C-alpha atoms as a PDB file:
ATOM      1  CA  MET A   1       0.000   0.000   0.000  1.00  0.00           C
ATOM      2  CA  GLN A   2       1.275   3.421  -0.911  1.00  0.00           C
ATOM      3  CA  GLN A   3       1.716   6.075   1.778  1.00  0.00           C
ATOM      4  CA  PRO A   4      -0.735   8.988   1.413  1.00  0.00           C
ATOM      5  CA  PHE A   5       0.500  12.370   0.190  1.00  0.00           C
ATOM      6  CA  MET A   6       0.472  14.647   3.245  1.00  0.00           C
ATOM      7  CA  ALA A   7      -0.019  18.069   1.681  1.00  0.00           C
ATOM      8  CA  TYR A   8       1.857  20.962   3.298  1.00  0.00           C
ATOM      9  CA  GLU A   9       3.183  18.707   6.090  1.00  0.00           C
ATOM     10  CA  ASN A  10       6.861  18.812   5.072  1.00  0.00           C
ATOM     11  CA  ASP A  11       9.210  19.980   2.359  1.00  0.00           C
ATOM     12  CA  THR A  12      10.641  16.595   1.426  1.00  0.00           C
ATOM     13  CA  ASP A  13       7.797  14.460   0.058  1.00  0.00           C
ATOM     14  CA  GLY A  14       7.019  14.254  -3.583  1.00  0.00           C
ATOM     15  CA  PHE A  15       6.334  11.838  -6.366  1.00  0.00           C
ATOM     16  CA  THR A  16       6.354  11.491 -10.109  1.00  0.00           C
ATOM     17  CA  THR A  17       3.654  10.103 -12.347  1.00  0.00           C
ATOM     18  CA  GLY A  18       4.425  10.053 -16.034  1.00  0.00           C
ATOM     19  CA  ASN A  19       6.393  13.235 -16.693  1.00  0.00           C
ATOM     20  CA  LEU A  20       4.540  15.102 -13.946  1.00  0.00           C
ATOM     21  CA  LYS A  21       6.446  15.882 -10.760  1.00  0.00           C
ATOM     22  CA  ILE A  22       4.592  16.899  -7.584  1.00  0.00           C
ATOM     23  CA  THR A  23       6.725  18.318  -4.787  1.00  0.00           C
ATOM     24  CA  ASN A  24       5.484  19.058  -1.277  1.00  0.00           C
ATOM     25  CA  GLY A  25       6.325  22.181   0.713  1.00  0.00           C
ATOM     26  CA  PHE A  26       5.175  23.861   3.912  1.00  0.00           C
ATOM     27  CA  ASP A  27       3.428  26.667   2.039  1.00  0.00           C
ATOM     28  CA  THR A  28       3.480  25.555  -1.613  1.00  0.00           C
ATOM     29  CA  ILE A  29       2.911  22.396  -3.588  1.00  0.00           C
ATOM     30  CA  ARG A  30       4.691  22.531  -6.923  1.00  0.00           C
ATOM     31  CA  VAL A  31       3.319  20.682  -9.953  1.00  0.00           C
ATOM     32  CA  GLU A  32       5.667  20.562 -12.949  1.00  0.00           C
ATOM     33  CA  GLY A  33       5.658  18.721 -16.236  1.00  0.00           C
ATOM     34  CA  THR A  34       3.071  16.951 -18.326  1.00  0.00           C
ATOM     35  CA  LEU A  35       0.814  13.993 -17.771  1.00  0.00           C
ATOM     36  CA  GLU A  36      -0.990  12.018 -20.421  1.00  0.00           C
ATOM     37  CA  ILE A  37      -4.075  10.347 -19.045  1.00  0.00           C
ATOM     38  CA  THR A  38      -4.688   7.578 -21.523  1.00  0.00           C
ATOM     39  CA  LYS A  39      -7.942   5.678 -21.774  1.00  0.00           C
ATOM     40  CA  ASP A  40      -6.584   2.498 -20.191  1.00  0.00           C
ATOM     41  CA  ARG A  41      -5.631   1.119 -16.771  1.00  0.00           C
ATOM     42  CA  ALA A  42      -2.330   3.016 -16.774  1.00  0.00           C
ATOM     43  CA  GLY A  43      -4.225   6.244 -17.472  1.00  0.00           C
ATOM     44  CA  LEU A  44      -6.641   5.509 -14.666  1.00  0.00           C
ATOM     45  CA  GLU A  45      -3.779   4.968 -12.203  1.00  0.00           C
ATOM     46  CA  ALA A  46      -2.065   8.184 -13.331  1.00  0.00           C
ATOM     47  CA  ALA A  47      -5.308  10.151 -12.931  1.00  0.00           C
ATOM     48  CA  LEU A  48      -5.928   8.688  -9.482  1.00  0.00           C
ATOM     49  CA  LYS A  49      -2.413   9.592  -8.291  1.00  0.00           C
ATOM     50  CA  LEU A  50      -2.948  13.170  -9.428  1.00  0.00           C
ATOM     51  CA  LYS A  51      -6.408  13.280  -7.841  1.00  0.00           C
ATOM     52  CA  ARG A  52      -5.090  12.029  -4.495  1.00  0.00           C
ATOM     53  CA  ALA A  53      -2.498  14.828  -4.416  1.00  0.00           C
ATOM     54  CA  VAL A  54      -5.040  17.502  -5.350  1.00  0.00           C
ATOM     55  CA  ASP A  55      -7.602  16.151  -2.873  1.00  0.00           C
ATOM     56  CA  ALA A  56      -4.954  16.179  -0.110  1.00  0.00           C
ATOM     57  CA  ALA A  57      -4.128  19.813  -0.888  1.00  0.00           C
ATOM     58  CA  ILE A  58      -7.791  20.847  -0.922  1.00  0.00           C
ATOM     59  CA  ASP A  59      -8.483  19.048   2.366  1.00  0.00           C
ATOM     60  CA  ALA A  60      -5.457  20.683   4.045  1.00  0.00           C
ATOM     61  CA  LEU A  61      -6.493  24.129   2.821  1.00  0.00           C
ATOM     62  CA  LYS A  62     -10.081  23.672   4.014  1.00  0.00           C
ATOM     63  CA  ARG A  63      -8.905  22.593   7.477  1.00  0.00           C
ATOM     64  CA  ASP A  64      -6.678  25.650   7.979  1.00  0.00           C
ATOM     65  CA  ARG A  65      -8.753  28.086  10.041  1.00  0.00           C
ATOM     66  CA  ASN A  66      -6.097  30.819   9.638  1.00  0.00           C
ATOM     67  CA  LEU A  67      -5.705  30.606   5.878  1.00  0.00           C
ATOM     68  CA  PRO A  68      -4.390  33.977   4.618  1.00  0.00           C
ATOM     69  CA  GLU A  69      -5.739  35.699   1.515  1.00  0.00           C
ATOM     70  CA  SER A  70      -2.312  35.312  -0.101  1.00  0.00           C
ATOM     71  CA  ILE A  71       1.215  34.350   0.916  1.00  0.00           C
ATOM     72  CA  ARG A  72       2.622  36.539  -1.861  1.00  0.00           C
ATOM     73  CA  ASP A  73       3.399  40.203  -1.244  1.00  0.00           C
END
């Protein structure tokens, strides 16, 4: 079983699916590259990996009661 992606929990986790690289950070999750989601089992697995990362980020953001308007100046 694969360990869940813990969005915003550290600055070391990350994974690659296809040519898409997702890197965790304390205040930013970086998504770089391309991902082809083909209409087959491999495409389904790639889409699910991406969805899990996005869902983890959304859940973490929703839970943060002190979420600022922006971290950029």
